[in-house]
Amino acid sequence: MRFVPAGQDFAGLVLAFRHTAFRLETREAYNEADEAPILRRFLTGGGLDESYMDDWIEMLTPRIADGQRMERVRVVSKPHSDYTRFGLALARYNVEAGEDIRYLPRHRAAELDLPGHDFWLIDSTTLLILRFGDDDVLLGADLVTDPAVVVKHCYYRDVAQHYAVPWQEYTKQDVHLRESP
């Protein structure tokens, strides 16, 4: 296991997937500098600037069309945190581009004994266990290739995906969901 700091090397590992990239997101908030103004605008009722997602969508769309998969399960609490509401609103663009984003209530994740840490699982062979500072800023990830640990996280992925609800269904059943405060 080695630590990979946040930045281009880390992003390169995630985006190097050939078949599937899966992320389990367990935190109530993420503090990403490039998101801060968009999040602030959203929280003050200014809506979303969808151009924020353009680069991601441009990168993702052809990969999905070629049969690659980008999948996420977001573990969420109720009432939703401000960041969860923001993520739910942004997910529309990810889903339209072909990402599979699902939601799992935090209490259910605990019942299923899912881990309390975020991770990326790349092609079911490479694991990145994400590390964050006290201020919710991504520091980087522990790169894990030990087969036993990777297989355990494949199991976590499978369980999370099985019990989580797709974004489209989750937003329909959540009557408290609003795009902005």
N, C-alpha and C. Protein backbone atom coordinates (compact mmCIF):
# COMPACT_ATOMS: atom_id res chain seq x y z
N MET A 1 0.86 -1.17 0.00
CA MET A 1 0.00 0.00 0.00
C MET A 1 0.90 1.23 0.00
N ARG A 2 0.52 2.19 -0.82
CA ARG A 2 1.24 3.46 -0.82
C ARG A 2 0.24 4.60 -0.91
N PHE A 3 0.63 5.73 -0.35
CA PHE A 3 -0.24 6.91 -0.36
C PHE A 3 -0.01 7.68 -1.65
N VAL A 4 -1.11 8.07 -2.30
CA VAL A 4 -1.07 8.89 -3.50
C VAL A 4 -1.75 10.21 -3.16
N PRO A 5 -1.00 11.33 -3.15
CA PRO A 5 -1.61 12.61 -2.82
C PRO A 5 -2.63 13.04 -3.86
N ALA A 6 -3.60 13.83 -3.42
CA ALA A 6 -4.59 14.39 -4.34
C ALA A 6 -3.86 15.19 -5.42
N GLY A 7 -4.40 15.17 -6.61
CA GLY A 7 -3.78 15.88 -7.72
C GLY A 7 -3.83 15.05 -8.98
N GLN A 8 -2.96 15.37 -9.92
CA GLN A 8 -3.01 14.71 -11.23
C GLN A 8 -2.73 13.23 -11.17
N ASP A 9 -1.77 12.79 -10.34
CA ASP A 9 -1.49 11.35 -10.25
C ASP A 9 -2.70 10.60 -9.73
N PHE A 10 -3.35 11.16 -8.73
CA PHE A 10 -4.55 10.54 -8.17
C PHE A 10 -5.66 10.48 -9.21
N ALA A 11 -5.93 11.61 -9.85
CA ALA A 11 -6.98 11.66 -10.89
C ALA A 11 -6.66 10.69 -12.02
N GLY A 12 -5.40 10.59 -12.37
CA GLY A 12 -4.99 9.68 -13.42
C GLY A 12 -5.29 8.23 -13.08
N LEU A 13 -5.11 7.86 -11.82
CA LEU A 13 -5.43 6.49 -11.39
C LEU A 13 -6.92 6.20 -11.54
N VAL A 14 -7.74 7.16 -11.13
CA VAL A 14 -9.19 6.97 -11.22
C VAL A 14 -9.62 6.90 -12.68
N LEU A 15 -9.12 7.80 -13.49
CA LEU A 15 -9.57 7.88 -14.88
C LEU A 15 -8.91 6.85 -15.79
N ALA A 16 -8.00 6.06 -15.25
CA ALA A 16 -7.34 5.01 -16.04
C ALA A 16 -8.20 3.76 -16.17
N PHE A 17 -9.40 3.77 -15.63
CA PHE A 17 -10.23 2.57 -15.70
C PHE A 17 -10.50 2.19 -17.15
N ARG A 18 -10.54 0.88 -17.39
CA ARG A 18 -10.81 0.38 -18.74
C ARG A 18 -12.22 -0.16 -18.86
N HIS A 19 -12.77 -0.62 -17.73
CA HIS A 19 -14.11 -1.22 -17.75
C HIS A 19 -15.06 -0.53 -16.78
N THR A 20 -14.67 -0.50 -15.50
CA THR A 20 -15.56 0.09 -14.50
C THR A 20 -14.77 0.90 -13.47
N ALA A 21 -15.40 1.98 -13.05
CA ALA A 21 -14.91 2.75 -11.91
C ALA A 21 -16.10 2.88 -10.97
N PHE A 22 -15.91 2.47 -9.73
CA PHE A 22 -16.97 2.53 -8.73
C PHE A 22 -16.48 3.35 -7.55
N ARG A 23 -17.37 4.20 -7.04
CA ARG A 23 -17.03 4.96 -5.83
C ARG A 23 -18.12 4.80 -4.80
N LEU A 24 -17.70 4.51 -3.57
CA LEU A 24 -18.59 4.56 -2.42
C LEU A 24 -18.31 5.89 -1.73
N GLU A 25 -19.35 6.71 -1.58
CA GLU A 25 -19.24 8.03 -0.95
C GLU A 25 -19.98 7.98 0.36
N THR A 26 -19.27 8.19 1.46
CA THR A 26 -19.86 8.03 2.79
C THR A 26 -19.93 9.31 3.61
N ARG A 27 -19.36 10.37 3.13
CA ARG A 27 -19.23 11.59 3.93
C ARG A 27 -20.46 12.50 3.78
N GLU A 28 -20.69 13.30 4.79
CA GLU A 28 -21.79 14.28 4.75
C GLU A 28 -21.43 15.51 3.93
N ALA A 29 -20.12 15.75 3.77
CA ALA A 29 -19.68 16.94 3.03
C ALA A 29 -18.30 16.67 2.44
N TYR A 30 -18.05 17.38 1.34
CA TYR A 30 -16.75 17.37 0.68
C TYR A 30 -16.39 18.83 0.44
N ASN A 31 -15.13 19.16 0.62
CA ASN A 31 -14.68 20.54 0.47
C ASN A 31 -13.69 20.59 -0.69
N GLU A 32 -14.21 20.87 -1.87
CA GLU A 32 -13.37 20.96 -3.07
C GLU A 32 -13.35 22.41 -3.52
N ALA A 33 -12.17 22.96 -3.65
CA ALA A 33 -12.02 24.38 -3.96
C ALA A 33 -12.78 24.79 -5.21
N ASP A 34 -12.74 23.97 -6.26
CA ASP A 34 -13.42 24.36 -7.49
C ASP A 34 -14.94 24.29 -7.38
N GLU A 35 -15.43 23.58 -6.38
CA GLU A 35 -16.88 23.50 -6.17
C GLU A 35 -17.43 24.61 -5.27
N ALA A 36 -16.57 25.22 -4.48
CA ALA A 36 -17.02 26.16 -3.46
C ALA A 36 -17.95 27.25 -3.98
N PRO A 37 -17.61 27.96 -5.06
CA PRO A 37 -18.53 29.01 -5.53
C PRO A 37 -19.86 28.47 -6.04
N ILE A 38 -19.83 27.30 -6.67
CA ILE A 38 -21.05 26.69 -7.19
C ILE A 38 -21.94 26.25 -6.04
N LEU A 39 -21.32 25.67 -5.01
CA LEU A 39 -22.06 25.24 -3.81
C LEU A 39 -22.66 26.45 -3.11
N ARG A 40 -21.87 27.51 -2.94
CA ARG A 40 -22.38 28.73 -2.28
C ARG A 40 -23.59 29.29 -3.02
N ARG A 41 -23.46 29.35 -4.34
CA ARG A 41 -24.57 29.88 -5.15
C ARG A 41 -25.82 29.01 -4.97
N PHE A 42 -25.65 27.70 -5.00
CA PHE A 42 -26.76 26.77 -4.82
C PHE A 42 -27.43 26.99 -3.47
N LEU A 43 -26.62 27.10 -2.41
CA LEU A 43 -27.16 27.21 -1.05
C LEU A 43 -27.84 28.55 -0.79
N THR A 44 -27.53 29.55 -1.59
CA THR A 44 -28.18 30.86 -1.42
C THR A 44 -29.33 31.05 -2.39
N GLY A 45 -29.75 29.95 -3.03
CA GLY A 45 -30.93 30.01 -3.90
C GLY A 45 -30.65 30.39 -5.33
N GLY A 46 -29.39 30.44 -5.71
CA GLY A 46 -29.04 30.85 -7.06
C GLY A 46 -29.06 29.74 -8.09
N GLY A 47 -29.46 28.54 -7.70
CA GLY A 47 -29.51 27.43 -8.64
C GLY A 47 -28.13 26.88 -8.96
N LEU A 48 -28.08 26.10 -10.01
CA LEU A 48 -26.84 25.46 -10.42
C LEU A 48 -26.34 26.03 -11.72
N ASP A 49 -25.04 26.20 -11.80
CA ASP A 49 -24.39 26.57 -13.07
C ASP A 49 -23.94 25.26 -13.70
N GLU A 50 -24.73 24.75 -14.63
CA GLU A 50 -24.44 23.43 -15.20
C GLU A 50 -23.14 23.40 -15.99
N SER A 51 -22.61 24.55 -16.38
CA SER A 51 -21.34 24.56 -17.10
C SER A 51 -20.20 24.01 -16.23
N TYR A 52 -20.41 24.03 -14.93
CA TYR A 52 -19.43 23.46 -13.99
C TYR A 52 -19.14 22.00 -14.34
N MET A 53 -20.10 21.29 -14.88
CA MET A 53 -19.97 19.86 -15.18
C MET A 53 -19.47 19.58 -16.59
N ASP A 54 -19.28 20.60 -17.41
CA ASP A 54 -18.97 20.39 -18.83
C ASP A 54 -17.76 19.49 -19.08
N ASP A 55 -16.64 19.75 -18.42
CA ASP A 55 -15.43 18.96 -18.66
C ASP A 55 -15.65 17.49 -18.28
N TRP A 56 -16.31 17.27 -17.15
CA TRP A 56 -16.57 15.90 -16.69
C TRP A 56 -17.47 15.17 -17.69
N ILE A 57 -18.53 15.83 -18.10
CA ILE A 57 -19.48 15.23 -19.04
C ILE A 57 -18.79 14.95 -20.37
N GLU A 58 -17.98 15.90 -20.83
CA GLU A 58 -17.26 15.73 -22.10
C GLU A 58 -16.32 14.53 -22.05
N MET A 59 -15.67 14.30 -20.90
CA MET A 59 -14.77 13.17 -20.74
C MET A 59 -15.56 11.86 -20.62
N LEU A 60 -16.66 11.91 -19.90
CA LEU A 60 -17.39 10.70 -19.56
C LEU A 60 -18.26 10.16 -20.69
N THR A 61 -18.93 11.00 -21.40
CA THR A 61 -19.92 10.58 -22.40
C THR A 61 -19.37 9.58 -23.42
N PRO A 62 -18.23 9.85 -24.07
CA PRO A 62 -17.75 8.87 -25.04
C PRO A 62 -17.30 7.55 -24.39
N ARG A 63 -16.82 7.62 -23.17
CA ARG A 63 -16.40 6.40 -22.49
C ARG A 63 -17.60 5.51 -22.19
N ILE A 64 -18.70 6.13 -21.75
CA ILE A 64 -19.93 5.37 -21.50
C ILE A 64 -20.44 4.79 -22.81
N ALA A 65 -20.39 5.58 -23.88
CA ALA A 65 -20.84 5.11 -25.19
C ALA A 65 -20.01 3.91 -25.67
N ASP A 66 -18.75 3.85 -25.24
CA ASP A 66 -17.87 2.73 -25.60
C ASP A 66 -18.05 1.51 -24.69
N GLY A 67 -18.97 1.60 -23.73
CA GLY A 67 -19.26 0.47 -22.86
C GLY A 67 -18.60 0.49 -21.50
N GLN A 68 -17.83 1.53 -21.21
CA GLN A 68 -17.25 1.64 -19.87
C GLN A 68 -18.34 2.10 -18.91
N ARG A 69 -18.15 1.80 -17.61
CA ARG A 69 -19.16 2.16 -16.62
C ARG A 69 -18.54 2.99 -15.49
N MET A 70 -19.25 4.03 -15.13
CA MET A 70 -18.91 4.85 -13.97
C MET A 70 -20.09 4.73 -13.01
N GLU A 71 -19.81 4.24 -11.80
CA GLU A 71 -20.87 3.95 -10.84
C GLU A 71 -20.53 4.54 -9.48
N ARG A 72 -21.57 4.97 -8.78
CA ARG A 72 -21.39 5.51 -7.42
C ARG A 72 -22.56 5.07 -6.56
N VAL A 73 -22.25 4.86 -5.29
CA VAL A 73 -23.29 4.75 -4.28
C VAL A 73 -22.97 5.80 -3.24
N ARG A 74 -23.96 6.62 -2.96
CA ARG A 74 -23.81 7.69 -1.96
C ARG A 74 -24.62 7.31 -0.73
N VAL A 75 -23.92 7.22 0.39
CA VAL A 75 -24.55 6.91 1.67
C VAL A 75 -24.99 8.25 2.26
N VAL A 76 -26.30 8.36 2.55
CA VAL A 76 -26.85 9.65 2.96
C VAL A 76 -27.66 9.55 4.25
N SER A 77 -27.66 10.66 4.96
CA SER A 77 -28.46 10.80 6.18
C SER A 77 -29.69 11.63 5.85
N LYS A 78 -30.69 11.51 6.71
CA LYS A 78 -31.86 12.37 6.63
C LYS A 78 -32.02 13.05 7.98
N PRO A 79 -32.29 14.32 8.02
CA PRO A 79 -32.45 15.16 6.84
C PRO A 79 -31.12 15.27 6.08
N HIS A 80 -31.21 15.56 4.79
CA HIS A 80 -30.01 15.68 3.98
C HIS A 80 -29.16 16.86 4.41
N SER A 81 -27.85 16.65 4.37
CA SER A 81 -26.93 17.77 4.60
C SER A 81 -27.01 18.71 3.39
N ASP A 82 -26.50 19.93 3.56
CA ASP A 82 -26.46 20.87 2.44
C ASP A 82 -25.71 20.26 1.26
N TYR A 83 -24.60 19.59 1.55
CA TYR A 83 -23.81 19.02 0.46
C TYR A 83 -24.56 17.88 -0.23
N THR A 84 -25.30 17.09 0.52
CA THR A 84 -26.09 16.01 -0.10
C THR A 84 -27.14 16.60 -1.04
N ARG A 85 -27.81 17.66 -0.62
CA ARG A 85 -28.80 18.31 -1.50
C ARG A 85 -28.14 18.83 -2.77
N PHE A 86 -26.96 19.41 -2.62
CA PHE A 86 -26.19 19.88 -3.77
C PHE A 86 -25.83 18.70 -4.68
N GLY A 87 -25.35 17.62 -4.11
CA GLY A 87 -25.00 16.44 -4.89
C GLY A 87 -26.19 15.82 -5.61
N LEU A 88 -27.32 15.81 -4.94
CA LEU A 88 -28.54 15.30 -5.59
C LEU A 88 -28.91 16.13 -6.80
N ALA A 89 -28.78 17.43 -6.69
CA ALA A 89 -29.11 18.31 -7.81
C ALA A 89 -28.10 18.14 -8.95
N LEU A 90 -26.82 18.06 -8.63
CA LEU A 90 -25.79 17.88 -9.65
C LEU A 90 -25.87 16.52 -10.32
N ALA A 91 -26.32 15.51 -9.60
CA ALA A 91 -26.33 14.14 -10.13
C ALA A 91 -27.13 14.04 -11.42
N ARG A 92 -28.08 14.91 -11.59
CA ARG A 92 -28.86 14.89 -12.84
C ARG A 92 -27.95 14.91 -14.06
N TYR A 93 -26.92 15.75 -14.03
CA TYR A 93 -26.00 15.88 -15.16
C TYR A 93 -25.16 14.61 -15.32
N ASN A 94 -24.70 14.05 -14.21
CA ASN A 94 -23.92 12.81 -14.26
C ASN A 94 -24.76 11.68 -14.86
N VAL A 95 -25.99 11.57 -14.38
CA VAL A 95 -26.87 10.49 -14.83
C VAL A 95 -27.20 10.66 -16.31
N GLU A 96 -27.46 11.89 -16.73
CA GLU A 96 -27.73 12.15 -18.15
C GLU A 96 -26.55 11.74 -19.03
N ALA A 97 -25.33 11.83 -18.48
CA ALA A 97 -24.12 11.44 -19.23
C ALA A 97 -23.89 9.93 -19.19
N GLY A 98 -24.67 9.21 -18.36
CA GLY A 98 -24.55 7.75 -18.32
C GLY A 98 -24.03 7.16 -17.04
N GLU A 99 -23.71 8.00 -16.06
CA GLU A 99 -23.26 7.47 -14.77
C GLU A 99 -24.43 6.79 -14.06
N ASP A 100 -24.12 5.76 -13.32
CA ASP A 100 -25.10 5.09 -12.46
C ASP A 100 -24.84 5.58 -11.04
N ILE A 101 -25.72 6.44 -10.55
CA ILE A 101 -25.57 6.99 -9.19
C ILE A 101 -26.76 6.51 -8.38
N ARG A 102 -26.45 5.92 -7.23
CA ARG A 102 -27.47 5.36 -6.35
C ARG A 102 -27.31 5.92 -4.94
N TYR A 103 -28.40 5.84 -4.18
CA TYR A 103 -28.43 6.38 -2.82
C TYR A 103 -28.83 5.30 -1.83
N LEU A 104 -28.14 5.29 -0.70
CA LEU A 104 -28.37 4.31 0.35
C LEU A 104 -28.46 5.03 1.68
N PRO A 105 -29.57 4.87 2.41
CA PRO A 105 -29.67 5.51 3.73
C PRO A 105 -28.54 5.06 4.65
N ARG A 106 -28.02 5.99 5.42
CA ARG A 106 -26.88 5.71 6.31
C ARG A 106 -27.18 4.58 7.28
N HIS A 107 -28.38 4.54 7.82
CA HIS A 107 -28.70 3.47 8.78
C HIS A 107 -28.68 2.10 8.10
N ARG A 108 -29.08 2.06 6.83
CA ARG A 108 -29.08 0.79 6.09
C ARG A 108 -27.64 0.35 5.79
N ALA A 109 -26.78 1.29 5.45
CA ALA A 109 -25.37 0.98 5.21
C ALA A 109 -24.73 0.39 6.46
N ALA A 110 -25.10 0.93 7.63
CA ALA A 110 -24.58 0.39 8.89
C ALA A 110 -25.09 -1.02 9.13
N GLU A 111 -26.38 -1.25 8.87
CA GLU A 111 -26.95 -2.60 9.02
C GLU A 111 -26.27 -3.60 8.10
N LEU A 112 -25.86 -3.15 6.93
CA LEU A 112 -25.20 -4.01 5.96
C LEU A 112 -23.70 -4.16 6.21
N ASP A 113 -23.21 -3.48 7.25
CA ASP A 113 -21.80 -3.53 7.64
C ASP A 113 -20.87 -3.02 6.54
N LEU A 114 -21.34 -1.99 5.81
CA LEU A 114 -20.48 -1.36 4.82
C LEU A 114 -19.44 -0.49 5.53
N PRO A 115 -18.31 -0.26 4.91
CA PRO A 115 -17.27 0.53 5.58
C PRO A 115 -17.68 1.99 5.71
N GLY A 116 -17.08 2.68 6.62
CA GLY A 116 -17.35 4.09 6.84
C GLY A 116 -16.39 4.99 6.09
N HIS A 117 -15.65 4.44 5.13
CA HIS A 117 -14.70 5.25 4.37
C HIS A 117 -15.06 5.26 2.88
N ASP A 118 -14.71 6.36 2.24
CA ASP A 118 -14.88 6.48 0.80
C ASP A 118 -13.81 5.67 0.09
N PHE A 119 -14.18 5.12 -1.05
CA PHE A 119 -13.16 4.46 -1.87
C PHE A 119 -13.56 4.47 -3.34
N TRP A 120 -12.54 4.36 -4.17
CA TRP A 120 -12.70 4.10 -5.60
C TRP A 120 -12.22 2.68 -5.84
N LEU A 121 -12.97 1.92 -6.61
CA LEU A 121 -12.58 0.58 -7.03
C LEU A 121 -12.48 0.63 -8.55
N ILE A 122 -11.29 0.41 -9.06
CA ILE A 122 -11.01 0.56 -10.48
C ILE A 122 -10.87 -0.83 -11.11
N ASP A 123 -11.75 -1.15 -12.04
CA ASP A 123 -11.72 -2.42 -12.77
C ASP A 123 -11.65 -3.64 -11.85
N SER A 124 -12.19 -3.52 -10.66
CA SER A 124 -12.23 -4.61 -9.68
C SER A 124 -10.85 -5.15 -9.34
N THR A 125 -9.79 -4.37 -9.61
CA THR A 125 -8.43 -4.83 -9.33
C THR A 125 -7.61 -3.85 -8.51
N THR A 126 -7.99 -2.59 -8.56
CA THR A 126 -7.22 -1.55 -7.87
C THR A 126 -8.16 -0.78 -6.96
N LEU A 127 -7.71 -0.58 -5.74
CA LEU A 127 -8.52 0.08 -4.72
C LEU A 127 -7.81 1.35 -4.27
N LEU A 128 -8.56 2.42 -4.20
CA LEU A 128 -8.08 3.69 -3.64
C LEU A 128 -8.96 4.03 -2.45
N ILE A 129 -8.40 3.93 -1.25
CA ILE A 129 -9.14 4.30 -0.03
C ILE A 129 -8.84 5.76 0.23
N LEU A 130 -9.88 6.58 0.11
CA LEU A 130 -9.71 8.02 0.17
C LEU A 130 -9.45 8.51 1.59
N ARG A 131 -8.57 9.50 1.70
CA ARG A 131 -8.22 10.13 2.97
C ARG A 131 -8.56 11.61 2.90
N PHE A 132 -9.20 12.10 3.96
CA PHE A 132 -9.64 13.50 4.01
C PHE A 132 -9.09 14.17 5.26
N GLY A 133 -8.89 15.48 5.17
CA GLY A 133 -8.51 16.27 6.33
C GLY A 133 -9.73 16.58 7.17
N ASP A 134 -9.49 17.15 8.35
CA ASP A 134 -10.59 17.53 9.24
C ASP A 134 -11.53 18.55 8.60
N ASP A 135 -11.03 19.25 7.59
CA ASP A 135 -11.81 20.27 6.90
C ASP A 135 -12.54 19.71 5.67
N ASP A 136 -12.61 18.37 5.55
CA ASP A 136 -13.30 17.69 4.46
C ASP A 136 -12.60 17.83 3.10
N VAL A 137 -11.35 18.26 3.10
CA VAL A 137 -10.58 18.37 1.87
C VAL A 137 -9.92 17.01 1.58
N LEU A 138 -10.01 16.56 0.34
CA LEU A 138 -9.37 15.32 -0.06
C LEU A 138 -7.85 15.49 0.01
N LEU A 139 -7.19 14.63 0.79
CA LEU A 139 -5.74 14.66 0.90
C LEU A 139 -5.10 13.75 -0.14
N GLY A 140 -5.79 12.67 -0.46
CA GLY A 140 -5.27 11.67 -1.39
C GLY A 140 -5.89 10.34 -1.07
N ALA A 141 -5.16 9.27 -1.42
CA ALA A 141 -5.72 7.94 -1.20
C ALA A 141 -4.60 6.93 -0.95
N ASP A 142 -4.96 5.90 -0.21
CA ASP A 142 -4.08 4.75 -0.08
C ASP A 142 -4.35 3.84 -1.27
N LEU A 143 -3.33 3.57 -2.06
CA LEU A 143 -3.45 2.68 -3.22
C LEU A 143 -3.23 1.26 -2.73
N VAL A 144 -4.24 0.41 -2.92
CA VAL A 144 -4.21 -0.95 -2.41
C VAL A 144 -4.35 -1.91 -3.58
N THR A 145 -3.44 -2.86 -3.67
CA THR A 145 -3.54 -3.89 -4.70
C THR A 145 -3.57 -5.30 -4.08
N ASP A 146 -3.54 -5.38 -2.75
CA ASP A 146 -3.62 -6.68 -2.07
C ASP A 146 -4.94 -7.34 -2.46
N PRO A 147 -4.89 -8.52 -3.10
CA PRO A 147 -6.11 -9.15 -3.61
C PRO A 147 -7.19 -9.36 -2.54
N ALA A 148 -6.82 -9.72 -1.34
CA ALA A 148 -7.82 -9.97 -0.29
C ALA A 148 -8.58 -8.69 0.06
N VAL A 149 -7.88 -7.58 0.15
CA VAL A 149 -8.52 -6.30 0.48
C VAL A 149 -9.37 -5.81 -0.69
N VAL A 150 -8.86 -5.98 -1.90
CA VAL A 150 -9.61 -5.56 -3.08
C VAL A 150 -10.90 -6.38 -3.20
N VAL A 151 -10.81 -7.69 -3.02
CA VAL A 151 -12.00 -8.55 -3.12
C VAL A 151 -13.03 -8.16 -2.05
N LYS A 152 -12.59 -7.84 -0.85
CA LYS A 152 -13.51 -7.40 0.20
C LYS A 152 -14.26 -6.14 -0.24
N HIS A 153 -13.56 -5.23 -0.89
CA HIS A 153 -14.20 -4.00 -1.36
C HIS A 153 -15.09 -4.25 -2.59
N CYS A 154 -14.78 -5.28 -3.37
CA CYS A 154 -15.70 -5.69 -4.44
C CYS A 154 -17.02 -6.17 -3.82
N TYR A 155 -16.90 -6.89 -2.72
CA TYR A 155 -18.10 -7.34 -1.99
C TYR A 155 -18.89 -6.12 -1.49
N TYR A 156 -18.18 -5.14 -0.89
CA TYR A 156 -18.87 -3.93 -0.42
C TYR A 156 -19.59 -3.24 -1.58
N ARG A 157 -18.92 -3.16 -2.72
CA ARG A 157 -19.54 -2.55 -3.90
C ARG A 157 -20.82 -3.28 -4.28
N ASP A 158 -20.74 -4.60 -4.35
CA ASP A 158 -21.89 -5.39 -4.77
C ASP A 158 -23.06 -5.24 -3.82
N VAL A 159 -22.78 -5.25 -2.53
CA VAL A 159 -23.84 -5.09 -1.52
C VAL A 159 -24.44 -3.69 -1.63
N ALA A 160 -23.59 -2.68 -1.70
CA ALA A 160 -24.08 -1.30 -1.77
C ALA A 160 -24.95 -1.10 -3.01
N GLN A 161 -24.50 -1.58 -4.15
CA GLN A 161 -25.29 -1.41 -5.38
C GLN A 161 -26.61 -2.16 -5.31
N HIS A 162 -26.59 -3.32 -4.70
CA HIS A 162 -27.82 -4.12 -4.62
C HIS A 162 -28.90 -3.40 -3.80
N TYR A 163 -28.52 -2.82 -2.69
CA TYR A 163 -29.50 -2.22 -1.78
C TYR A 163 -29.76 -0.73 -2.04
N ALA A 164 -28.90 -0.07 -2.77
CA ALA A 164 -29.08 1.35 -3.01
C ALA A 164 -30.14 1.58 -4.09
N VAL A 165 -30.71 2.77 -4.07
CA VAL A 165 -31.79 3.15 -4.98
C VAL A 165 -31.21 4.08 -6.06
N PRO A 166 -31.49 3.80 -7.34
CA PRO A 166 -31.01 4.69 -8.40
C PRO A 166 -31.50 6.13 -8.21
N TRP A 167 -30.67 7.08 -8.65
CA TRP A 167 -30.97 8.51 -8.47
C TRP A 167 -32.38 8.86 -8.92
N GLN A 168 -32.79 8.38 -10.11
CA GLN A 168 -34.11 8.74 -10.63
C GLN A 168 -35.21 8.33 -9.66
N GLU A 169 -35.11 7.12 -9.14
CA GLU A 169 -36.12 6.62 -8.20
C GLU A 169 -36.03 7.33 -6.85
N TYR A 170 -34.81 7.55 -6.38
CA TYR A 170 -34.61 8.21 -5.09
C TYR A 170 -35.20 9.61 -5.10
N THR A 171 -34.97 10.36 -6.16
CA THR A 171 -35.47 11.73 -6.20
C THR A 171 -36.99 11.76 -6.31
N LYS A 172 -37.59 10.74 -6.91
CA LYS A 172 -39.05 10.68 -7.00
C LYS A 172 -39.68 10.35 -5.65
N GLN A 173 -39.03 9.50 -4.88
CA GLN A 173 -39.62 9.08 -3.61
C GLN A 173 -39.31 10.03 -2.47
N ASP A 174 -38.36 10.94 -2.67
CA ASP A 174 -37.97 11.86 -1.62
C ASP A 174 -38.73 13.17 -1.79
N VAL A 175 -39.84 13.31 -1.11
CA VAL A 175 -40.70 14.51 -1.28
C VAL A 175 -40.05 15.76 -0.70
N HIS A 176 -38.99 15.59 0.10
CA HIS A 176 -38.33 16.76 0.70
C HIS A 176 -37.19 17.29 -0.17
N LEU A 177 -36.95 16.64 -1.29
CA LEU A 177 -35.85 17.06 -2.16
C LEU A 177 -36.22 18.34 -2.88
N ARG A 178 -35.31 19.31 -2.80
CA ARG A 178 -35.48 20.55 -3.54
C ARG A 178 -34.16 20.87 -4.22
N GLU A 179 -34.22 21.55 -5.34
CA GLU A 179 -32.98 21.91 -6.05
C GLU A 179 -32.23 22.99 -5.31
N SER A 180 -32.89 23.85 -4.60
CA SER A 180 -32.19 24.89 -3.84
C SER A 180 -33.05 25.23 -2.61
N PRO A 181 -32.41 25.84 -1.62
CA PRO A 181 -33.16 26.16 -0.38
C PRO A 181 -34.26 27.18 -0.60
